[in-house]
Amino acid sequence: DLSKNDLSGLIPAELGGMVEIQQLLLYNNELEGAIPTELGRLENLIQLLVQGNNLQGQVGGEICDLREGALSDFRADCEREVKCPNDCCTSCK
Protein backbone atom coordinates (compact mmCIF):
# COMPACT_ATOMS: atom_id res chain seq x y z
CA ASP A 1 0.00 0.00 0.00
CA LEU A 2 1.69 3.18 -1.25
CA SER A 3 -1.26 5.47 -0.62
CA LYS A 4 -0.95 8.74 1.32
CA ASN A 5 2.86 8.83 1.07
CA ASP A 6 3.35 12.16 -0.73
CA LEU A 7 4.78 10.29 -3.73
CA SER A 8 5.40 12.57 -6.69
CA GLY A 9 6.38 12.26 -10.33
CA LEU A 10 5.17 9.71 -12.85
CA ILE A 11 3.80 6.25 -12.15
CA PRO A 12 6.72 4.03 -13.23
CA ALA A 13 5.94 1.98 -16.34
CA GLU A 14 8.14 -0.74 -14.84
CA LEU A 15 5.31 -1.59 -12.43
CA GLY A 16 3.80 -3.39 -15.42
CA GLY A 17 6.48 -6.06 -14.94
CA MET A 18 5.14 -7.02 -11.50
CA VAL A 19 2.75 -9.53 -13.06
CA GLU A 20 1.77 -11.28 -9.80
CA ILE A 21 0.62 -8.11 -8.04
CA GLN A 22 -3.06 -8.08 -7.06
CA GLN A 23 -3.39 -4.59 -5.59
CA LEU A 24 -1.84 -1.31 -6.67
CA LEU A 25 -2.87 1.33 -4.17
CA LEU A 26 -1.44 4.71 -5.19
CA TYR A 27 -4.29 7.00 -4.12
CA ASN A 28 -3.89 10.38 -2.37
CA ASN A 29 -0.35 11.18 -3.47
CA GLU A 30 1.09 13.85 -5.78
CA LEU A 31 1.56 11.61 -8.84
CA GLU A 32 1.20 13.22 -12.26
CA GLY A 33 1.16 12.37 -15.94
CA ALA A 34 -0.73 9.52 -17.53
CA ILE A 35 -1.50 6.08 -16.15
CA PRO A 36 1.06 3.89 -17.97
CA THR A 37 -0.44 1.45 -20.47
CA GLU A 38 2.14 -1.08 -19.25
CA LEU A 39 -0.10 -1.65 -16.23
CA GLY A 40 -2.30 -3.54 -18.69
CA ARG A 41 0.11 -6.48 -18.29
CA LEU A 42 -1.04 -6.98 -14.68
CA GLU A 43 -3.52 -9.76 -15.41
CA ASN A 44 -3.83 -10.71 -11.72
CA LEU A 45 -4.65 -7.15 -10.65
CA ILE A 46 -7.88 -6.96 -8.66
CA GLN A 47 -7.67 -3.42 -7.32
CA LEU A 48 -6.16 -0.30 -8.94
CA LEU A 49 -6.70 2.89 -6.93
CA VAL A 50 -5.15 6.07 -8.35
CA GLN A 51 -7.64 8.75 -7.28
CA GLY A 52 -6.49 11.82 -5.37
CA ASN A 53 -3.46 12.51 -7.57
CA ASN A 54 -2.71 14.92 -10.42
CA LEU A 55 -3.01 12.33 -13.18
CA GLN A 56 -4.28 13.20 -16.62
CA GLY A 57 -4.88 11.71 -20.04
CA GLN A 58 -6.85 8.83 -21.49
CA VAL A 59 -6.87 5.47 -19.72
CA GLY A 60 -5.43 3.01 -22.23
CA GLY A 61 -7.41 0.13 -23.64
CA GLU A 62 -4.82 -2.26 -22.21
CA ILE A 63 -5.90 -1.25 -18.71
CA CYS A 64 -9.61 -1.27 -19.51
CA ASP A 65 -9.24 -4.79 -20.89
CA LEU A 66 -8.27 -5.94 -17.38
CA ARG A 67 -11.89 -5.24 -16.33
CA GLU A 68 -12.86 -8.32 -18.35
CA GLY A 69 -10.62 -10.39 -16.06
CA ALA A 70 -9.65 -9.99 -12.43
CA LEU A 71 -9.78 -6.18 -12.11
CA SER A 72 -12.96 -5.41 -10.19
CA ASP A 73 -12.04 -2.13 -8.49
CA PHE A 74 -10.50 0.69 -10.56
CA ARG A 75 -10.83 4.21 -9.14
CA ALA A 76 -9.57 7.40 -10.74
CA ASP A 77 -10.30 11.12 -10.85
CA CYS A 78 -12.39 10.98 -14.03
CA GLU A 79 -14.15 14.25 -13.37
CA ARG A 80 -10.80 16.04 -13.43
CA GLU A 81 -8.23 15.25 -16.07
CA VAL A 82 -8.37 11.44 -16.39
CA LYS A 83 -10.53 10.18 -19.24
CA CYS A 84 -11.94 6.76 -18.44
CA PRO A 85 -13.75 5.36 -21.50
CA ASN A 86 -16.75 3.03 -21.62
CA ASP A 87 -17.22 2.63 -17.87
CA CYS A 88 -13.68 1.32 -17.53
CA CYS A 89 -13.39 2.86 -14.04
CA THR A 90 -15.60 1.44 -11.32
CA SER A 91 -15.57 4.77 -9.48
CA CYS A 92 -14.88 8.24 -10.83
CA LYS A 93 -14.46 11.09 -8.40
C-alpha atoms as a PDB file:
ATOM      1  CA  ASP A   1       0.000   0.000   0.000  1.00  0.00           C
ATOM      2  CA  LEU A   2       1.686   3.181  -1.253  1.00  0.00           C
ATOM      3  CA  SER A   3      -1.260   5.475  -0.618  1.00  0.00           C
ATOM      4  CA  LYS A   4      -0.947   8.736   1.318  1.00  0.00           C
ATOM      5  CA  ASN A   5       2.856   8.829   1.067  1.00  0.00           C
ATOM      6  CA  ASP A   6       3.353  12.157  -0.733  1.00  0.00           C
ATOM      7  CA  LEU A   7       4.777  10.285  -3.732  1.00  0.00           C
ATOM      8  CA  SER A   8       5.397  12.570  -6.688  1.00  0.00           C
ATOM      9  CA  GLY A   9       6.375  12.260 -10.332  1.00  0.00           C
ATOM     10  CA  LEU A  10       5.165   9.710 -12.847  1.00  0.00           C
ATOM     11  CA  ILE A  11       3.804   6.250 -12.150  1.00  0.00           C
ATOM     12  CA  PRO A  12       6.723   4.030 -13.233  1.00  0.00           C
ATOM     13  CA  ALA A  13       5.941   1.984 -16.340  1.00  0.00           C
ATOM     14  CA  GLU A  14       8.136  -0.742 -14.839  1.00  0.00           C
ATOM     15  CA  LEU A  15       5.312  -1.591 -12.433  1.00  0.00           C
ATOM     16  CA  GLY A  16       3.802  -3.388 -15.417  1.00  0.00           C
ATOM     17  CA  GLY A  17       6.479  -6.058 -14.938  1.00  0.00           C
ATOM     18  CA  MET A  18       5.137  -7.019 -11.502  1.00  0.00           C
ATOM     19  CA  VAL A  19       2.747  -9.531 -13.055  1.00  0.00           C
ATOM     20  CA  GLU A  20       1.774 -11.277  -9.804  1.00  0.00           C
ATOM     21  CA  ILE A  21       0.616  -8.111  -8.044  1.00  0.00           C
ATOM     22  CA  GLN A  22      -3.061  -8.081  -7.063  1.00  0.00           C
ATOM     23  CA  GLN A  23      -3.394  -4.592  -5.587  1.00  0.00           C
ATOM     24  CA  LEU A  24      -1.844  -1.314  -6.667  1.00  0.00           C
ATOM     25  CA  LEU A  25      -2.870   1.334  -4.171  1.00  0.00           C
ATOM     26  CA  LEU A  26      -1.445   4.710  -5.188  1.00  0.00           C
ATOM     27  CA  TYR A  27      -4.286   6.999  -4.121  1.00  0.00           C
ATOM     28  CA  ASN A  28      -3.887  10.378  -2.374  1.00  0.00           C
ATOM     29  CA  ASN A  29      -0.348  11.184  -3.471  1.00  0.00           C
ATOM     30  CA  GLU A  30       1.090  13.845  -5.781  1.00  0.00           C
ATOM     31  CA  LEU A  31       1.557  11.611  -8.842  1.00  0.00           C
ATOM     32  CA  GLU A  32       1.202  13.224 -12.264  1.00  0.00           C
ATOM     33  CA  GLY A  33       1.162  12.370 -15.936  1.00  0.00           C
ATOM     34  CA  ALA A  34      -0.729   9.516 -17.526  1.00  0.00           C
ATOM     35  CA  ILE A  35      -1.499   6.079 -16.152  1.00  0.00           C
ATOM     36  CA  PRO A  36       1.059   3.888 -17.971  1.00  0.00           C
ATOM     37  CA  THR A  37      -0.439   1.451 -20.472  1.00  0.00           C
ATOM     38  CA  GLU A  38       2.143  -1.084 -19.254  1.00  0.00           C
ATOM     39  CA  LEU A  39      -0.104  -1.648 -16.233  1.00  0.00           C
ATOM     40  CA  GLY A  40      -2.299  -3.544 -18.692  1.00  0.00           C
ATOM     41  CA  ARG A  41       0.113  -6.477 -18.286  1.00  0.00           C
ATOM     42  CA  LEU A  42      -1.039  -6.979 -14.675  1.00  0.00           C
ATOM     43  CA  GLU A  43      -3.518  -9.755 -15.407  1.00  0.00           C
ATOM     44  CA  ASN A  44      -3.832 -10.711 -11.723  1.00  0.00           C
ATOM     45  CA  LEU A  45      -4.648  -7.149 -10.651  1.00  0.00           C
ATOM     46  CA  ILE A  46      -7.876  -6.965  -8.661  1.00  0.00           C
ATOM     47  CA  GLN A  47      -7.667  -3.416  -7.322  1.00  0.00           C
ATOM     48  CA  LEU A  48      -6.159  -0.298  -8.937  1.00  0.00           C
ATOM     49  CA  LEU A  49      -6.698   2.891  -6.934  1.00  0.00           C
ATOM     50  CA  VAL A  50      -5.154   6.065  -8.346  1.00  0.00           C
ATOM     51  CA  GLN A  51      -7.643   8.752  -7.278  1.00  0.00           C
ATOM     52  CA  GLY A  52      -6.489  11.822  -5.367  1.00  0.00           C
ATOM     53  CA  ASN A  53      -3.459  12.510  -7.574  1.00  0.00           C
ATOM     54  CA  ASN A  54      -2.705  14.920 -10.416  1.00  0.00           C
ATOM     55  CA  LEU A  55      -3.007  12.334 -13.179  1.00  0.00           C
ATOM     56  CA  GLN A  56      -4.284  13.199 -16.624  1.00  0.00           C
ATOM     57  CA  GLY A  57      -4.883  11.715 -20.044  1.00  0.00           C
ATOM     58  CA  GLN A  58      -6.852   8.828 -21.494  1.00  0.00           C
ATOM     59  CA  VAL A  59      -6.866   5.467 -19.719  1.00  0.00           C
ATOM     60  CA  GLY A  60      -5.426   3.012 -22.234  1.00  0.00           C
ATOM     61  CA  GLY A  61      -7.412   0.133 -23.636  1.00  0.00           C
ATOM     62  CA  GLU A  62      -4.821  -2.257 -22.210  1.00  0.00           C
ATOM     63  CA  ILE A  63      -5.900  -1.252 -18.705  1.00  0.00           C
ATOM     64  CA  CYS A  64      -9.605  -1.269 -19.515  1.00  0.00           C
ATOM     65  CA  ASP A  65      -9.236  -4.790 -20.890  1.00  0.00           C
ATOM     66  CA  LEU A  66      -8.270  -5.938 -17.381  1.00  0.00           C
ATOM     67  CA  ARG A  67     -11.885  -5.236 -16.332  1.00  0.00           C
ATOM     68  CA  GLU A  68     -12.856  -8.319 -18.355  1.00  0.00           C
ATOM     69  CA  GLY A  69     -10.619 -10.391 -16.064  1.00  0.00           C
ATOM     70  CA  ALA A  70      -9.655  -9.991 -12.431  1.00  0.00           C
ATOM     71  CA  LEU A  71      -9.783  -6.177 -12.113  1.00  0.00           C
ATOM     72  CA  SER A  72     -12.964  -5.415 -10.192  1.00  0.00           C
ATOM     73  CA  ASP A  73     -12.039  -2.126  -8.488  1.00  0.00           C
ATOM     74  CA  PHE A  74     -10.501   0.691 -10.558  1.00  0.00           C
ATOM     75  CA  ARG A  75     -10.832   4.205  -9.137  1.00  0.00           C
ATOM     76  CA  ALA A  76      -9.567   7.398 -10.739  1.00  0.00           C
ATOM     77  CA  ASP A  77     -10.304  11.125 -10.854  1.00  0.00           C
ATOM     78  CA  CYS A  78     -12.389  10.976 -14.034  1.00  0.00           C
ATOM     79  CA  GLU A  79     -14.149  14.251 -13.366  1.00  0.00           C
ATOM     80  CA  ARG A  80     -10.803  16.040 -13.432  1.00  0.00           C
ATOM     81  CA  GLU A  81      -8.226  15.254 -16.075  1.00  0.00           C
ATOM     82  CA  VAL A  82      -8.367  11.436 -16.390  1.00  0.00           C
ATOM     83  CA  LYS A  83     -10.534  10.181 -19.240  1.00  0.00           C
ATOM     84  CA  CYS A  84     -11.944   6.760 -18.442  1.00  0.00           C
ATOM     85  CA  PRO A  85     -13.750   5.358 -21.505  1.00  0.00           C
ATOM     86  CA  ASN A  86     -16.750   3.026 -21.616  1.00  0.00           C
ATOM     87  CA  ASP A  87     -17.224   2.626 -17.872  1.00  0.00           C
ATOM     88  CA  CYS A  88     -13.678   1.323 -17.532  1.00  0.00           C
ATOM     89  CA  CYS A  89     -13.388   2.861 -14.045  1.00  0.00           C
ATOM     90  CA  THR A  90     -15.597   1.439 -11.320  1.00  0.00           C
ATOM     91  CA  SER A  91     -15.567   4.769  -9.480  1.00  0.00           C
ATOM     92  CA  CYS A  92     -14.875   8.238 -10.833  1.00  0.00           C
ATOM     93  CA  LYS A  93     -14.456  11.090  -8.400  1.00  0.00           C
END
